[in-house]
């Protein structure tokens, strides 16, 4: 069995965490490490807090799902409007993406260097490209422009042997999770993932199917070399 580096990609609510939880319990993955590598702002934390990242649910708040989602949507729209004004300037966008890249670069290798030097395989929950997907959306970029930004920075990070994309429609993801602000949040990312998956020939898995079947398909891709 050939081990390698695999990135698991998908929308919020696509089942990444659920599948990784099953994989961690499967002895067949004993030679793999699992690492979550989404960007957590440090250098840009003060500014990121000012303009707002992803709105989060207050777990202590005793609100109904519809009421909670209404609040998330309002907060998302407020932050989206602020980002649109701030990132209107090309100078600001360039400075932001430079600092975000430096920030993420050190975070990524601090978290993964030991694993990268070992002989074990690695399964990444998300990957560096999600940094540019998120920031490209903040900038109002098209999927094509975001794809170019990803390709410009790919030399900074280790190449994946396989990228597995759990494809779930925005409608299904929205129904699965009540901490997603609105469909706009999902639809923009879905369009980008669809574009990149076709350009780079990702392994695409139908995430709308039962979890056990999805997990089995992913297993055949990672461990069996089957191209779905």
C-alpha atoms as a PDB file:
ATOM      1  CA  UNK A   1       0.000   0.000   0.000  1.00  0.00           C
ATOM      2  CA  UNK A   2       1.478   3.298  -1.078  1.00  0.00           C
ATOM      3  CA  UNK A   3       1.233   6.085   1.477  1.00  0.00           C
ATOM      4  CA  UNK A   4       1.071   9.704   0.455  1.00  0.00           C
ATOM      5  CA  UNK A   5      -0.261  13.155   1.145  1.00  0.00           C
ATOM      6  CA  UNK A   6      -3.967  13.696   0.728  1.00  0.00           C
ATOM      7  CA  UNK A   7      -6.071  16.833   1.131  1.00  0.00           C
ATOM      8  CA  UNK A   8      -9.755  16.535   1.980  1.00  0.00           C
ATOM      9  CA  UNK A   9     -11.759  19.444   0.577  1.00  0.00           C
ATOM     10  CA  UNK A  10     -15.436  20.364   0.910  1.00  0.00           C
ATOM     11  CA  UNK A  11     -17.964  22.945   2.020  1.00  0.00           C
ATOM     12  CA  UNK A  12     -18.938  23.397   5.647  1.00  0.00           C
ATOM     13  CA  UNK A  13     -21.468  20.641   6.191  1.00  0.00           C
ATOM     14  CA  UNK A  14     -20.048  18.371   3.486  1.00  0.00           C
ATOM     15  CA  UNK A  15     -18.992  15.762   6.042  1.00  0.00           C
ATOM     16  CA  UNK A  16     -15.228  16.267   6.278  1.00  0.00           C
ATOM     17  CA  UNK A  17     -15.132  16.002  10.066  1.00  0.00           C
ATOM     18  CA  UNK A  18     -17.505  13.031  10.145  1.00  0.00           C
ATOM     19  CA  UNK A  19     -15.436  11.150   7.583  1.00  0.00           C
ATOM     20  CA  UNK A  20     -12.141  11.920   9.298  1.00  0.00           C
ATOM     21  CA  UNK A  21     -13.619  10.727  12.588  1.00  0.00           C
ATOM     22  CA  UNK A  22     -14.402   7.359  10.965  1.00  0.00           C
ATOM     23  CA  UNK A  23     -10.992   7.212   9.304  1.00  0.00           C
ATOM     24  CA  UNK A  24      -9.221   7.752  12.621  1.00  0.00           C
ATOM     25  CA  UNK A  25     -11.022   4.701  14.007  1.00  0.00           C
ATOM     26  CA  UNK A  26     -10.082   2.552  10.992  1.00  0.00           C
ATOM     27  CA  UNK A  27      -6.916   0.472  11.477  1.00  0.00           C
ATOM     28  CA  UNK A  28      -6.284   0.693   7.739  1.00  0.00           C
ATOM     29  CA  UNK A  29      -5.198   4.300   8.298  1.00  0.00           C
ATOM     30  CA  UNK A  30      -2.695   3.462  11.044  1.00  0.00           C
ATOM     31  CA  UNK A  31       0.166   4.729   8.869  1.00  0.00           C
ATOM     32  CA  UNK A  32      -1.493   8.123   8.378  1.00  0.00           C
ATOM     33  CA  UNK A  33      -1.512  11.300  10.434  1.00  0.00           C
ATOM     34  CA  UNK A  34      -4.519  13.629  10.345  1.00  0.00           C
ATOM     35  CA  UNK A  35      -3.896  17.373  10.441  1.00  0.00           C
ATOM     36  CA  UNK A  36      -6.311  20.319  10.357  1.00  0.00           C
ATOM     37  CA  UNK A  37      -4.613  23.144   8.476  1.00  0.00           C
ATOM     38  CA  UNK A  38      -7.070  25.979   8.012  1.00  0.00           C
ATOM     39  CA  UNK A  39      -5.657  29.470   8.548  1.00  0.00           C
ATOM     40  CA  UNK A  40      -6.098  31.033  11.994  1.00  0.00           C
ATOM     41  CA  UNK A  41      -5.108  34.722  11.826  1.00  0.00           C
ATOM     42  CA  UNK A  42      -2.252  35.780  14.105  1.00  0.00           C
ATOM     43  CA  UNK A  43      -0.364  38.610  12.366  1.00  0.00           C
ATOM     44  CA  UNK A  44      -3.663  39.964  11.075  1.00  0.00           C
ATOM     45  CA  UNK A  45      -5.722  39.052  14.114  1.00  0.00           C
ATOM     46  CA  UNK A  46      -6.481  42.634  15.221  1.00  0.00           C
ATOM     47  CA  UNK A  47      -7.622  43.663  11.724  1.00  0.00           C
ATOM     48  CA  UNK A  48      -9.374  40.366  11.154  1.00  0.00           C
ATOM     49  CA  UNK A  49     -11.393  40.885  14.323  1.00  0.00           C
ATOM     50  CA  UNK A  50     -12.231  44.393  13.193  1.00  0.00           C
ATOM     51  CA  UNK A  51     -13.669  43.383   9.835  1.00  0.00           C
ATOM     52  CA  UNK A  52     -14.832  39.985  11.060  1.00  0.00           C
ATOM     53  CA  UNK A  53     -14.137  36.412  10.070  1.00  0.00           C
ATOM     54  CA  UNK A  54     -16.785  33.704   9.951  1.00  0.00           C
ATOM     55  CA  UNK A  55     -19.675  34.419  12.264  1.00  0.00           C
ATOM     56  CA  UNK A  56     -20.021  31.792  14.991  1.00  0.00           C
ATOM     57  CA  UNK A  57     -22.896  30.482  16.996  1.00  0.00           C
ATOM     58  CA  UNK A  58     -23.063  31.376  20.654  1.00  0.00           C
ATOM     59  CA  UNK A  59     -23.388  27.929  22.181  1.00  0.00           C
ATOM     60  CA  UNK A  60     -24.764  29.373  25.423  1.00  0.00           C
ATOM     61  CA  UNK A  61     -27.501  31.372  23.769  1.00  0.00           C
ATOM     62  CA  UNK A  62     -30.908  29.767  24.095  1.00  0.00           C
ATOM     63  CA  UNK A  63     -32.241  30.681  20.678  1.00  0.00           C
ATOM     64  CA  UNK A  64     -34.300  28.824  18.119  1.00  0.00           C
ATOM     65  CA  UNK A  65     -32.441  27.726  14.931  1.00  0.00           C
ATOM     66  CA  UNK A  66     -34.277  30.261  12.740  1.00  0.00           C
ATOM     67  CA  UNK A  67     -33.605  33.077  15.199  1.00  0.00           C
ATOM     68  CA  UNK A  68     -29.956  32.102  15.491  1.00  0.00           C
ATOM     69  CA  UNK A  69     -29.514  31.899  11.720  1.00  0.00           C
ATOM     70  CA  UNK A  70     -31.191  35.276  11.291  1.00  0.00           C
ATOM     71  CA  UNK A  71     -28.621  36.784  13.627  1.00  0.00           C
ATOM     72  CA  UNK A  72     -25.761  35.075  11.776  1.00  0.00           C
ATOM     73  CA  UNK A  73     -27.072  36.333   8.447  1.00  0.00           C
ATOM     74  CA  UNK A  74     -27.283  39.901   9.710  1.00  0.00           C
ATOM     75  CA  UNK A  75     -23.739  39.728  11.074  1.00  0.00           C
ATOM     76  CA  UNK A  76     -22.444  38.123   7.869  1.00  0.00           C
ATOM     77  CA  UNK A  77     -23.997  40.864   5.727  1.00  0.00           C
ATOM     78  CA  UNK A  78     -22.559  43.577   7.982  1.00  0.00           C
ATOM     79  CA  UNK A  79     -19.055  42.124   7.761  1.00  0.00           C
ATOM     80  CA  UNK A  80     -19.340  41.497   4.020  1.00  0.00           C
ATOM     81  CA  UNK A  81     -20.193  45.155   3.488  1.00  0.00           C
ATOM     82  CA  UNK A  82     -17.225  46.254   5.585  1.00  0.00           C
ATOM     83  CA  UNK A  83     -14.857  43.922   3.703  1.00  0.00           C
ATOM     84  CA  UNK A  84     -16.102  45.261   0.379  1.00  0.00           C
ATOM     85  CA  UNK A  85     -15.157  48.793   1.402  1.00  0.00           C
ATOM     86  CA  UNK A  86     -11.784  47.872   2.914  1.00  0.00           C
ATOM     87  CA  UNK A  87     -10.651  45.642   0.050  1.00  0.00           C
ATOM     88  CA  UNK A  88     -11.697  48.067  -2.649  1.00  0.00           C
ATOM     89  CA  UNK A  89      -8.078  49.220  -2.811  1.00  0.00           C
ATOM     90  CA  UNK A  90      -5.639  47.025  -4.728  1.00  0.00           C
ATOM     91  CA  UNK A  91      -2.824  48.116  -2.401  1.00  0.00           C
ATOM     92  CA  UNK A  92      -4.782  46.904   0.615  1.00  0.00           C
ATOM     93  CA  UNK A  93      -5.620  43.591  -1.081  1.00  0.00           C
ATOM     94  CA  UNK A  94      -1.993  42.955  -2.006  1.00  0.00           C
ATOM     95  CA  UNK A  95      -0.713  43.843   1.455  1.00  0.00           C
ATOM     96  CA  UNK A  96      -3.396  41.696   3.098  1.00  0.00           C
ATOM     97  CA  UNK A  97      -2.729  38.590   1.007  1.00  0.00           C
ATOM     98  CA  UNK A  98       1.040  38.972   1.522  1.00  0.00           C
ATOM     99  CA  UNK A  99       0.689  39.125   5.305  1.00  0.00           C
ATOM    100  CA  UNK A 100      -1.911  36.335   5.324  1.00  0.00           C
ATOM    101  CA  UNK A 101       0.431  34.139   3.263  1.00  0.00           C
ATOM    102  CA  UNK A 102       3.392  34.786   5.592  1.00  0.00           C
ATOM    103  CA  UNK A 103       1.157  34.139   8.595  1.00  0.00           C
ATOM    104  CA  UNK A 104      -0.188  30.888   7.181  1.00  0.00           C
ATOM    105  CA  UNK A 105       3.210  29.707   5.898  1.00  0.00           C
ATOM    106  CA  UNK A 106       4.705  29.642   9.403  1.00  0.00           C
ATOM    107  CA  UNK A 107       1.548  28.204  10.944  1.00  0.00           C
ATOM    108  CA  UNK A 108       1.433  25.436   8.377  1.00  0.00           C
ATOM    109  CA  UNK A 109       5.041  24.296   8.754  1.00  0.00           C
ATOM    110  CA  UNK A 110       5.038  24.677  12.540  1.00  0.00           C
ATOM    111  CA  UNK A 111       2.106  22.293  12.618  1.00  0.00           C
ATOM    112  CA  UNK A 112       3.234  19.872   9.889  1.00  0.00           C
ATOM    113  CA  UNK A 113       7.047  19.866   9.544  1.00  0.00           C
ATOM    114  CA  UNK A 114       7.604  16.868  11.819  1.00  0.00           C
ATOM    115  CA  UNK A 115       4.903  14.928   9.967  1.00  0.00           C
ATOM    116  CA  UNK A 116       6.259  15.911   6.555  1.00  0.00           C
ATOM    117  CA  UNK A 117       9.692  14.587   7.520  1.00  0.00           C
ATOM    118  CA  UNK A 118       8.324  11.279   8.762  1.00  0.00           C
ATOM    119  CA  UNK A 119       7.559   8.262   6.596  1.00  0.00           C
ATOM    120  CA  UNK A 120       3.887   8.266   7.477  1.00  0.00           C
ATOM    121  CA  UNK A 121       1.187   9.435   5.134  1.00  0.00           C
ATOM    122  CA  UNK A 122      -0.761  12.597   5.901  1.00  0.00           C
ATOM    123  CA  UNK A 123      -4.431  13.399   5.434  1.00  0.00           C
ATOM    124  CA  UNK A 124      -5.059  17.124   5.589  1.00  0.00           C
ATOM    125  CA  UNK A 125      -8.415  18.516   6.643  1.00  0.00           C
ATOM    126  CA  UNK A 126      -8.546  21.387   4.126  1.00  0.00           C
ATOM    127  CA  UNK A 127      -5.348  22.738   2.594  1.00  0.00           C
ATOM    128  CA  UNK A 128      -3.522  25.969   1.730  1.00  0.00           C
ATOM    129  CA  UNK A 129      -5.868  26.665  -1.164  1.00  0.00           C
ATOM    130  CA  UNK A 130      -8.696  27.400   1.292  1.00  0.00           C
ATOM    131  CA  UNK A 131      -6.768  30.465   2.482  1.00  0.00           C
ATOM    132  CA  UNK A 132      -6.962  31.908  -1.029  1.00  0.00           C
ATOM    133  CA  UNK A 133     -10.537  30.794  -1.562  1.00  0.00           C
ATOM    134  CA  UNK A 134     -11.626  32.658   1.566  1.00  0.00           C
ATOM    135  CA  UNK A 135      -9.605  35.781   0.845  1.00  0.00           C
ATOM    136  CA  UNK A 136     -10.525  35.774  -2.843  1.00  0.00           C
ATOM    137  CA  UNK A 137     -14.178  35.834  -1.847  1.00  0.00           C
ATOM    138  CA  UNK A 138     -13.452  38.742   0.510  1.00  0.00           C
ATOM    139  CA  UNK A 139     -11.868  40.561  -2.440  1.00  0.00           C
ATOM    140  CA  UNK A 140     -14.820  39.825  -4.737  1.00  0.00           C
ATOM    141  CA  UNK A 141     -12.639  37.800  -7.135  1.00  0.00           C
ATOM    142  CA  UNK A 142     -13.985  35.378  -9.729  1.00  0.00           C
ATOM    143  CA  UNK A 143     -13.216  31.633  -9.519  1.00  0.00           C
ATOM    144  CA  UNK A 144     -10.730  32.106 -12.347  1.00  0.00           C
ATOM    145  CA  UNK A 145      -8.825  34.839 -10.513  1.00  0.00           C
ATOM    146  CA  UNK A 146      -8.835  32.888  -7.253  1.00  0.00           C
ATOM    147  CA  UNK A 147      -7.481  29.847  -9.117  1.00  0.00           C
ATOM    148  CA  UNK A 148      -4.604  31.964 -10.465  1.00  0.00           C
ATOM    149  CA  UNK A 149      -3.855  33.231  -6.953  1.00  0.00           C
ATOM    150  CA  UNK A 150      -3.734  29.636  -5.686  1.00  0.00           C
ATOM    151  CA  UNK A 151      -1.371  28.611  -8.473  1.00  0.00           C
ATOM    152  CA  UNK A 152       0.876  31.612  -7.815  1.00  0.00           C
ATOM    153  CA  UNK A 153       1.469  30.454  -4.235  1.00  0.00           C
ATOM    154  CA  UNK A 154       1.477  26.667  -4.682  1.00  0.00           C
ATOM    155  CA  UNK A 155       5.289  26.450  -4.700  1.00  0.00           C
ATOM    156  CA  UNK A 156       5.322  27.463  -1.030  1.00  0.00           C
ATOM    157  CA  UNK A 157       3.541  24.317   0.115  1.00  0.00           C
ATOM    158  CA  UNK A 158       4.069  20.558  -0.354  1.00  0.00           C
ATOM    159  CA  UNK A 159       2.378  18.988  -3.340  1.00  0.00           C
ATOM    160  CA  UNK A 160      -0.532  16.676  -2.630  1.00  0.00           C
ATOM    161  CA  UNK A 161      -0.576  13.195  -4.118  1.00  0.00           C
ATOM    162  CA  UNK A 162      -4.365  13.300  -4.120  1.00  0.00           C
ATOM    163  CA  UNK A 163      -7.044  15.885  -3.449  1.00  0.00           C
ATOM    164  CA  UNK A 164     -10.417  14.421  -2.488  1.00  0.00           C
ATOM    165  CA  UNK A 165     -13.360  16.753  -2.926  1.00  0.00           C
ATOM    166  CA  UNK A 166     -16.526  15.795  -1.064  1.00  0.00           C
ATOM    167  CA  UNK A 167     -19.131  17.352  -3.332  1.00  0.00           C
ATOM    168  CA  UNK A 168     -22.313  18.350  -1.520  1.00  0.00           C
ATOM    169  CA  UNK A 169     -24.695  20.982  -2.842  1.00  0.00           C
ATOM    170  CA  UNK A 170     -25.048  24.252  -0.931  1.00  0.00           C
ATOM    171  CA  UNK A 171     -28.710  23.413  -0.267  1.00  0.00           C
ATOM    172  CA  UNK A 172     -27.838  20.169   1.511  1.00  0.00           C
ATOM    173  CA  UNK A 173     -25.011  21.753   3.526  1.00  0.00           C
ATOM    174  CA  UNK A 174     -27.291  24.598   4.565  1.00  0.00           C
ATOM    175  CA  UNK A 175     -29.879  22.124   5.812  1.00  0.00           C
ATOM    176  CA  UNK A 176     -27.278  20.081   7.705  1.00  0.00           C
ATOM    177  CA  UNK A 177     -25.813  22.915   9.763  1.00  0.00           C
ATOM    178  CA  UNK A 178     -27.554  25.763  11.550  1.00  0.00           C
ATOM    179  CA  UNK A 179     -24.386  27.833  12.057  1.00  0.00           C
ATOM    180  CA  UNK A 180     -24.033  28.779   8.381  1.00  0.00           C
ATOM    181  CA  UNK A 181     -25.185  32.397   7.885  1.00  0.00           C
ATOM    182  CA  UNK A 182     -26.813  32.076   4.461  1.00  0.00           C
ATOM    183  CA  UNK A 183     -26.687  30.397   1.081  1.00  0.00           C
ATOM    184  CA  UNK A 184     -24.410  33.085  -0.343  1.00  0.00           C
ATOM    185  CA  UNK A 185     -21.657  31.884   2.000  1.00  0.00           C
ATOM    186  CA  UNK A 186     -21.892  28.395   0.495  1.00  0.00           C
ATOM    187  CA  UNK A 187     -22.707  29.163  -3.129  1.00  0.00           C
ATOM    188  CA  UNK A 188     -19.583  31.261  -3.686  1.00  0.00           C
ATOM    189  CA  UNK A 189     -17.335  28.537  -2.313  1.00  0.00           C
ATOM    190  CA  UNK A 190     -19.167  25.831  -4.205  1.00  0.00           C
ATOM    191  CA  UNK A 191     -18.630  27.658  -7.518  1.00  0.00           C
ATOM    192  CA  UNK A 192     -14.909  27.969  -6.768  1.00  0.00           C
ATOM    193  CA  UNK A 193     -14.487  24.332  -5.717  1.00  0.00           C
ATOM    194  CA  UNK A 194     -16.331  23.188  -8.819  1.00  0.00           C
ATOM    195  CA  UNK A 195     -14.082  25.292 -11.035  1.00  0.00           C
ATOM    196  CA  UNK A 196     -10.843  24.123  -9.428  1.00  0.00           C
ATOM    197  CA  UNK A 197     -11.908  20.468  -9.226  1.00  0.00           C
ATOM    198  CA  UNK A 198     -12.415  20.443 -12.986  1.00  0.00           C
ATOM    199  CA  UNK A 199      -9.229  22.343 -13.768  1.00  0.00           C
ATOM    200  CA  UNK A 200      -7.042  20.153 -11.552  1.00  0.00           C
ATOM    201  CA  UNK A 201      -8.929  16.872 -11.961  1.00  0.00           C
ATOM    202  CA  UNK A 202      -9.625  16.293  -8.281  1.00  0.00           C
ATOM    203  CA  UNK A 203     -11.056  13.015  -7.019  1.00  0.00           C
ATOM    204  CA  UNK A 204     -14.734  13.896  -6.617  1.00  0.00           C
ATOM    205  CA  UNK A 205     -16.940  12.011  -4.158  1.00  0.00           C
ATOM    206  CA  UNK A 206     -20.714  12.355  -3.969  1.00  0.00           C
ATOM    207  CA  UNK A 207     -21.151  13.546  -0.393  1.00  0.00           C
ATOM    208  CA  UNK A 208     -24.954  13.423  -0.602  1.00  0.00           C
ATOM    209  CA  UNK A 209     -24.830   9.639  -0.203  1.00  0.00           C
ATOM    210  CA  UNK A 210     -24.922   7.885   3.216  1.00  0.00           C
ATOM    211  CA  UNK A 211     -21.826   8.510   5.346  1.00  0.00           C
ATOM    212  CA  UNK A 212     -20.669   4.887   5.297  1.00  0.00           C
ATOM    213  CA  UNK A 213     -20.766   4.816   1.483  1.00  0.00           C
ATOM    214  CA  UNK A 214     -18.970   8.139   1.189  1.00  0.00           C
ATOM    215  CA  UNK A 215     -16.325   6.957   3.616  1.00  0.00           C
ATOM    216  CA  UNK A 216     -15.862   3.724   1.672  1.00  0.00           C
ATOM    217  CA  UNK A 217     -15.400   5.636  -1.575  1.00  0.00           C
ATOM    218  CA  UNK A 218     -12.816   7.909   0.011  1.00  0.00           C
ATOM    219  CA  UNK A 219     -11.018   4.866   1.396  1.00  0.00           C
ATOM    220  CA  UNK A 220     -10.808   3.271  -2.041  1.00  0.00           C
ATOM    221  CA  UNK A 221      -9.315   6.483  -3.430  1.00  0.00           C
ATOM    222  CA  UNK A 222      -6.723   6.924  -0.700  1.00  0.00           C
ATOM    223  CA  UNK A 223      -5.753   3.343   0.016  1.00  0.00           C
ATOM    224  CA  UNK A 224      -6.685   1.591  -3.183  1.00  0.00           C
ATOM    225  CA  UNK A 225      -5.688   4.131  -5.764  1.00  0.00           C
ATOM    226  CA  UNK A 226      -9.116   4.082  -7.347  1.00  0.00           C
ATOM    227  CA  UNK A 227      -9.911   7.217  -9.319  1.00  0.00           C
ATOM    228  CA  UNK A 228     -13.530   8.244  -8.877  1.00  0.00           C
END
